[in-house]
Amino acid sequence: MEELLATPARVYVAGHRGLVGSAVTRRLRADGHEVLARTRSELDLRDPTATAAYLRDARPDAVVLGAAKVGGIMANSTYPVQFIEDNLRIQLNVISAAHAVGVRRLLFLGSSCIYPRLAPQPIREEALLSGPLEATNQPYALAKIAGIVQVQSYRQQYGASYISAMPTNLYGPGDNFDLESSHVLPALVRRFHEAKRDRLDEVVLWGSGTPRREFLHVDDLADACVTLLRRYDGDEPVNVGRGEDLTIRELAEIVREVVGFEGRIGFDPTKPDGTPRKLLDVSRMTALGWRPRIGLRDGIAATYASWLSSAEPETLPGPAARV
């Protein structure tokens, strides 16, 4: 099969410092590609003029659009305007500018939150727009759905070789561990770490603990992105995940064990649970010959170690907590 992305290629990774972008950057460089990148201070992707000028000068062979405003339930609930407007602007600007300068390949990275709240499990790509979204992240989800439709529109109208991938919940080195804006897994790591440091007897988590979630290490996603760039050129988005899920309670128990917190886990059912279950059907991805390689517990342990090595001193265990 002829590969759709030649090696070496010049690839612009939008959002190269983020969780996804940094992993994709590592993988592309390891494969011999030249990665083009700009920091947020160097290039504001919400600015259409600046974005168009950069891509006109850079002339990449391919673009991976991983830049986005992301966050957990609290962040989505607090800043819905930014979650819809910033993401819409970034997508519109990057995709339209890429087409204008003749970029041959583009991969748009969405999110599994695009699917209806009560979609049949595991969720197939055909479930898109088949029912109401989860209210707690609707602005972000709608922005990502718009990105998918934009990619499909460029394919339909111009024959552009642009594609979309919908990753499941991601984690790994470089994740956001801020408790007010992080996703569930890094938030659990930090909560249990600080509880261990402070010798607490219990950690109380939001919700009932019963929702089921799927988690994929970001380095596995990066491998999937390269596979898609090389082998996939279809109209429909492609789910990327493990095809396995677990409850939030089960996840919390794994994180507690990895961190070494010996106290109790409690739950506050007055807080929102979010979508009851979100497991992706990944058969379209596995048909391309791709499989995830990093186990959940091993991935969490590596992520925790990576965070500890880069965390601020006040977040680390004190001398007493190390005993």
Protein backbone atom coordinates (compact mmCIF):
# COMPACT_ATOMS: atom_id res chain seq x y z
CA MET A 1 0.00 0.00 0.00
CA GLU A 2 1.40 3.40 -0.99
CA GLU A 3 1.84 5.60 2.06
CA LEU A 4 0.03 8.94 2.09
CA LEU A 5 2.76 10.65 4.11
CA ALA A 6 6.25 10.32 2.65
CA THR A 7 9.33 10.18 4.87
CA PRO A 8 10.83 12.61 5.54
CA ALA A 9 8.03 15.18 5.52
CA ARG A 10 7.74 18.69 6.96
CA VAL A 11 4.86 18.53 9.44
CA TYR A 12 3.39 21.48 11.30
CA VAL A 13 2.12 20.36 14.71
CA ALA A 14 -0.34 22.91 16.07
CA GLY A 15 -0.25 22.74 19.85
CA HIS A 16 3.16 21.07 20.04
CA ARG A 17 3.62 21.86 23.75
CA GLY A 18 0.35 20.29 24.82
CA LEU A 19 -0.27 16.73 25.95
CA VAL A 20 -1.15 15.50 22.47
CA GLY A 21 1.08 17.76 20.43
CA SER A 22 4.22 16.98 22.41
CA ALA A 23 3.67 13.23 21.99
CA VAL A 24 3.01 13.59 18.26
CA THR A 25 6.13 15.74 17.95
CA ARG A 26 8.28 13.12 19.69
CA ARG A 27 6.96 10.38 17.44
CA LEU A 28 7.32 12.30 14.17
CA ARG A 29 10.90 13.27 14.97
CA ALA A 30 11.72 9.68 15.92
CA ASP A 31 10.45 8.65 12.48
CA GLY A 32 12.71 11.13 10.72
CA HIS A 33 10.20 13.89 9.94
CA GLU A 34 10.90 17.59 10.33
CA VAL A 35 8.48 19.12 12.85
CA LEU A 36 7.48 22.75 12.44
CA ALA A 37 6.14 24.46 15.55
CA ARG A 38 5.33 27.81 17.10
CA THR A 39 4.55 28.61 20.73
CA ARG A 40 1.35 30.41 21.68
CA SER A 41 3.33 33.61 22.30
CA GLU A 42 4.86 33.34 18.82
CA LEU A 43 1.61 32.53 17.00
CA ASP A 44 -1.95 33.00 18.25
CA LEU A 45 -3.98 30.53 16.20
CA ARG A 46 -7.14 32.47 17.06
CA ASP A 47 -5.78 35.24 14.81
CA PRO A 48 -6.67 34.43 11.18
CA THR A 49 -4.17 36.87 9.64
CA ALA A 50 -1.22 35.62 11.70
CA THR A 51 -2.15 31.97 11.14
CA ALA A 52 -2.45 32.41 7.39
CA ALA A 53 0.87 34.27 7.23
CA TYR A 54 2.72 31.58 9.15
CA LEU A 55 1.45 28.70 7.02
CA ARG A 56 2.10 30.68 3.85
CA ASP A 57 5.74 31.10 4.91
CA ALA A 58 6.23 27.59 6.37
CA ARG A 59 4.60 25.60 3.53
CA PRO A 60 4.40 22.28 5.42
CA ASP A 61 3.65 18.98 3.71
CA ALA A 62 1.18 18.07 6.43
CA VAL A 63 -0.56 19.56 9.47
CA VAL A 64 -1.57 17.87 12.71
CA LEU A 65 -4.17 20.08 14.40
CA GLY A 66 -3.84 19.26 18.09
CA ALA A 67 -4.15 22.81 19.43
CA ALA A 68 -7.28 23.31 21.51
CA LYS A 69 -8.64 24.72 24.73
CA VAL A 70 -9.31 21.64 26.86
CA GLY A 71 -10.32 20.84 30.42
CA GLY A 72 -12.49 18.78 32.73
CA ILE A 73 -16.05 19.24 33.99
CA MET A 74 -15.21 22.22 36.21
CA ALA A 75 -13.36 24.12 33.48
CA ASN A 76 -16.07 23.41 30.88
CA SER A 77 -18.75 24.61 33.27
CA THR A 78 -16.85 27.77 34.23
CA TYR A 79 -15.66 28.93 30.79
CA PRO A 80 -18.18 27.74 28.18
CA VAL A 81 -17.64 30.82 25.98
CA GLN A 82 -13.92 30.21 25.68
CA PHE A 83 -14.42 26.49 25.07
CA ILE A 84 -16.63 27.07 22.06
CA GLU A 85 -15.20 30.31 20.66
CA ASP A 86 -11.47 29.64 21.04
CA ASN A 87 -11.76 26.17 19.55
CA LEU A 88 -13.92 27.31 16.65
CA ARG A 89 -11.46 30.09 15.81
CA ILE A 90 -8.41 27.81 15.97
CA GLN A 91 -10.01 25.18 13.72
CA LEU A 92 -11.39 27.61 11.16
CA ASN A 93 -8.10 29.47 10.88
CA VAL A 94 -5.72 26.51 10.67
CA ILE A 95 -7.77 24.36 8.28
CA SER A 96 -8.66 27.19 5.89
CA ALA A 97 -5.09 28.53 5.87
CA ALA A 98 -3.68 25.04 5.26
CA HIS A 99 -5.90 24.60 2.24
CA ALA A 100 -5.08 28.06 0.93
CA VAL A 101 -1.34 27.26 0.77
CA GLY A 102 -1.80 23.77 -0.66
CA VAL A 103 -1.06 21.57 2.36
CA ARG A 104 -1.58 18.01 1.09
CA ARG A 105 -2.39 16.17 4.34
CA LEU A 106 -4.15 17.38 7.49
CA LEU A 107 -5.21 15.46 10.59
CA PHE A 108 -7.79 17.12 12.82
CA LEU A 109 -7.92 15.77 16.36
CA GLY A 110 -11.30 15.91 18.03
CA SER A 111 -12.58 14.17 21.14
CA SER A 112 -14.87 11.32 22.11
CA CYS A 113 -17.15 13.88 23.82
CA ILE A 114 -18.62 14.62 20.38
CA TYR A 115 -20.91 11.62 20.75
CA PRO A 116 -24.40 11.69 22.30
CA ARG A 117 -24.62 11.30 26.05
CA LEU A 118 -26.57 8.04 25.75
CA ALA A 119 -25.02 6.64 22.58
CA PRO A 120 -25.09 2.82 22.27
CA GLN A 121 -21.90 1.27 23.66
CA PRO A 122 -19.28 0.79 22.38
CA ILE A 123 -19.71 3.98 20.38
CA ARG A 124 -19.36 3.69 16.62
CA GLU A 125 -18.44 6.69 14.50
CA GLU A 126 -21.92 6.58 12.95
CA ALA A 127 -23.40 7.68 16.30
CA LEU A 128 -22.29 11.26 15.64
CA LEU A 129 -25.25 13.71 15.75
CA SER A 130 -27.70 10.92 16.60
CA GLY A 131 -28.78 12.32 19.98
CA PRO A 132 -28.31 15.02 22.68
CA LEU A 133 -24.82 15.75 23.93
CA GLU A 134 -23.59 15.65 27.53
CA ALA A 135 -24.57 19.08 28.91
CA THR A 136 -21.39 19.57 30.98
CA ASN A 137 -19.15 19.79 27.90
CA GLN A 138 -21.57 20.74 25.13
CA PRO A 139 -19.74 23.94 24.00
CA TYR A 140 -16.45 22.07 23.54
CA ALA A 141 -18.18 19.13 21.85
CA LEU A 142 -20.03 21.38 19.41
CA ALA A 143 -16.77 23.08 18.45
CA LYS A 144 -15.15 19.71 17.75
CA ILE A 145 -18.15 18.56 15.73
CA ALA A 146 -17.81 21.72 13.64
CA GLY A 147 -14.17 20.79 13.02
CA ILE A 148 -15.16 17.37 11.73
CA VAL A 149 -17.73 18.90 9.38
CA GLN A 150 -15.19 21.47 8.20
CA VAL A 151 -12.75 18.69 7.29
CA GLN A 152 -15.49 16.76 5.51
CA SER A 153 -16.51 19.89 3.64
CA TYR A 154 -12.98 20.47 2.33
CA ARG A 155 -12.89 16.85 1.20
CA GLN A 156 -16.25 17.17 -0.55
CA GLN A 157 -15.74 20.54 -2.21
CA TYR A 158 -12.02 20.49 -2.97
CA GLY A 159 -10.98 16.83 -2.76
CA ALA A 160 -8.60 17.67 0.08
CA SER A 161 -6.84 14.72 1.74
CA TYR A 162 -7.90 15.90 5.20
CA ILE A 163 -9.01 13.47 7.93
CA SER A 164 -10.31 13.46 11.52
CA ALA A 165 -9.56 11.29 14.53
CA MET A 166 -11.56 11.10 17.75
CA PRO A 167 -9.35 10.05 20.70
CA THR A 168 -10.77 8.68 23.91
CA ASN A 169 -9.69 10.12 27.30
CA LEU A 170 -5.94 10.71 27.16
CA TYR A 171 -3.20 10.87 29.77
CA GLY A 172 0.58 10.83 29.91
CA PRO A 173 3.68 12.98 30.38
CA GLY A 174 2.99 16.67 29.98
CA ASP A 175 -0.61 16.39 31.20
CA ASN A 176 -2.35 19.23 33.05
CA PHE A 177 -2.37 18.58 36.80
CA ASP A 178 -4.13 21.80 37.83
CA LEU A 179 -7.12 20.74 39.93
CA GLU A 180 -9.41 23.44 38.54
CA SER A 181 -8.87 22.65 34.86
CA SER A 182 -7.51 19.10 34.59
CA HIS A 183 -9.21 15.95 33.37
CA VAL A 184 -10.08 13.14 35.74
CA LEU A 185 -6.92 11.01 35.66
CA PRO A 186 -4.31 13.71 36.36
CA ALA A 187 -6.68 15.22 38.92
CA LEU A 188 -6.82 11.87 40.73
CA VAL A 189 -3.04 11.57 40.65
CA ARG A 190 -2.62 14.98 42.25
CA ARG A 191 -5.43 14.51 44.80
CA PHE A 192 -4.00 11.21 46.04
CA HIS A 193 -0.44 12.53 45.98
CA GLU A 194 -1.36 15.56 48.11
CA ALA A 195 -3.45 13.41 50.45
CA LYS A 196 -0.42 11.14 50.96
CA ARG A 197 1.82 14.16 51.52
CA ASP A 198 -0.60 15.65 54.06
CA ARG A 199 -1.31 12.30 55.75
CA LEU A 200 -5.07 12.53 55.16
CA ASP A 201 -7.40 9.68 56.06
CA GLU A 202 -9.74 10.09 53.06
CA VAL A 203 -10.03 11.55 49.60
CA VAL A 204 -13.57 12.47 48.54
CA LEU A 205 -14.14 12.51 44.77
CA TRP A 206 -16.89 14.09 42.69
CA GLY A 207 -19.89 12.00 41.67
CA SER A 208 -20.89 8.43 42.41
CA GLY A 209 -17.82 6.64 41.08
CA THR A 210 -19.99 4.51 38.78
CA PRO A 211 -19.47 6.17 35.35
CA ARG A 212 -17.27 4.11 33.06
CA ARG A 213 -14.39 5.62 31.13
CA GLU A 214 -11.74 4.50 28.67
CA PHE A 215 -8.16 5.79 28.86
CA LEU A 216 -5.36 5.83 26.31
CA HIS A 217 -1.73 6.77 26.85
CA VAL A 218 -0.84 9.75 24.70
CA ASP A 219 2.17 7.96 23.18
CA ASP A 220 -0.24 5.31 21.86
CA LEU A 221 -2.33 8.11 20.36
CA ALA A 222 0.78 9.55 18.68
CA ASP A 223 1.46 6.15 17.13
CA ALA A 224 -2.15 6.05 15.91
CA CYS A 225 -1.83 9.54 14.41
CA VAL A 226 1.17 8.48 12.34
CA THR A 227 -0.70 5.37 11.20
CA LEU A 228 -3.65 7.51 10.08
CA LEU A 229 -1.46 10.00 8.24
CA ARG A 230 0.21 7.16 6.38
CA ARG A 231 -2.75 4.88 5.65
CA TYR A 232 -6.18 6.53 6.01
CA ASP A 233 -7.96 8.83 3.60
CA GLY A 234 -11.66 8.43 4.35
CA ASP A 235 -14.50 10.89 4.86
CA GLU A 236 -15.56 9.59 8.28
CA PRO A 237 -13.79 10.31 11.57
CA VAL A 238 -11.85 7.46 13.17
CA ASN A 239 -12.14 6.53 16.85
CA VAL A 240 -8.86 5.99 18.68
CA GLY A 241 -8.91 4.14 22.01
CA ARG A 242 -8.20 0.90 23.80
CA GLY A 243 -11.66 -0.60 23.37
CA GLU A 244 -11.75 -1.29 27.14
CA ASP A 245 -13.17 0.76 30.01
CA LEU A 246 -13.46 0.78 33.81
CA THR A 247 -15.40 2.67 36.47
CA ILE A 248 -14.12 5.88 38.02
CA ARG A 249 -13.99 3.99 41.33
CA GLU A 250 -11.79 1.30 39.77
CA LEU A 251 -9.57 3.98 38.23
CA ALA A 252 -9.27 5.72 41.59
CA GLU A 253 -8.18 2.48 43.23
CA ILE A 254 -5.43 1.98 40.63
CA VAL A 255 -4.20 5.56 41.10
CA ARG A 256 -4.28 5.21 44.89
CA GLU A 257 -2.15 2.08 44.63
CA VAL A 258 0.34 3.70 42.22
CA VAL A 259 0.71 6.82 44.37
CA GLY A 260 0.86 4.85 47.61
CA PHE A 261 -2.01 6.58 49.45
CA GLU A 262 -3.32 4.29 52.19
CA GLY A 263 -6.49 6.18 53.17
CA ARG A 264 -10.12 5.73 52.13
CA ILE A 265 -11.82 6.77 48.91
CA GLY A 266 -15.16 8.56 49.28
CA PHE A 267 -17.58 9.95 46.72
CA ASP A 268 -19.87 13.00 46.73
CA PRO A 269 -23.00 12.06 44.75
CA THR A 270 -24.24 15.67 44.84
CA LYS A 271 -21.56 16.51 42.27
CA PRO A 272 -22.06 15.74 38.54
CA ASP A 273 -21.03 12.40 37.08
CA GLY A 274 -20.96 13.44 33.43
CA THR A 275 -21.73 10.88 30.74
CA PRO A 276 -22.64 7.48 32.28
CA ARG A 277 -20.38 5.54 29.93
CA LYS A 278 -18.06 6.41 27.07
CA LEU A 279 -16.41 3.43 25.38
CA LEU A 280 -15.31 3.71 21.76
CA ASP A 281 -15.66 1.12 19.04
CA VAL A 282 -12.13 1.09 17.63
CA SER A 283 -12.63 -1.48 14.88
CA ARG A 284 -12.00 1.08 12.13
CA MET A 285 -8.61 1.90 13.68
CA THR A 286 -7.59 -1.69 14.33
CA ALA A 287 -8.46 -2.55 10.71
CA LEU A 288 -5.49 -0.34 9.79
CA GLY A 289 -3.22 -2.66 11.77
CA TRP A 290 -2.88 -0.46 14.86
CA ARG A 291 -3.05 -1.63 18.49
CA PRO A 292 -2.27 0.23 21.75
CA ARG A 293 0.85 -0.98 23.53
CA ILE A 294 0.91 0.73 26.95
CA GLY A 295 -1.07 -0.87 29.80
CA LEU A 296 -3.12 1.41 32.04
CA ARG A 297 -1.34 0.77 35.33
CA ASP A 298 2.12 1.03 33.75
CA GLY A 299 1.09 4.20 31.96
CA ILE A 300 -0.25 5.80 35.14
CA ALA A 301 2.94 4.90 37.03
CA ALA A 302 5.10 6.46 34.30
CA THR A 303 2.89 9.56 34.21
CA TYR A 304 3.12 9.96 38.00
CA ALA A 305 6.90 9.62 37.90
CA SER A 306 7.13 12.16 35.09
CA TRP A 307 4.99 14.66 37.00
CA LEU A 308 7.00 14.22 40.20
CA SER A 309 10.20 14.93 38.31
CA SER A 310 8.82 18.24 37.02
CA ALA A 311 6.42 19.35 39.81
CA GLU A 312 6.92 22.47 41.88
CA PRO A 313 8.71 21.78 45.19
CA GLU A 314 5.64 22.60 47.30
CA THR A 315 3.67 19.78 45.65
CA LEU A 316 6.24 17.13 46.49
CA PRO A 317 6.11 15.00 49.64
CA GLY A 318 7.81 16.54 52.63
CA PRO A 319 10.43 14.61 54.66
CA ALA A 320 7.78 13.18 57.00
CA ALA A 321 5.66 11.92 54.12
CA ARG A 322 8.61 10.00 52.70
CA VAL A 323 8.98 7.83 55.80
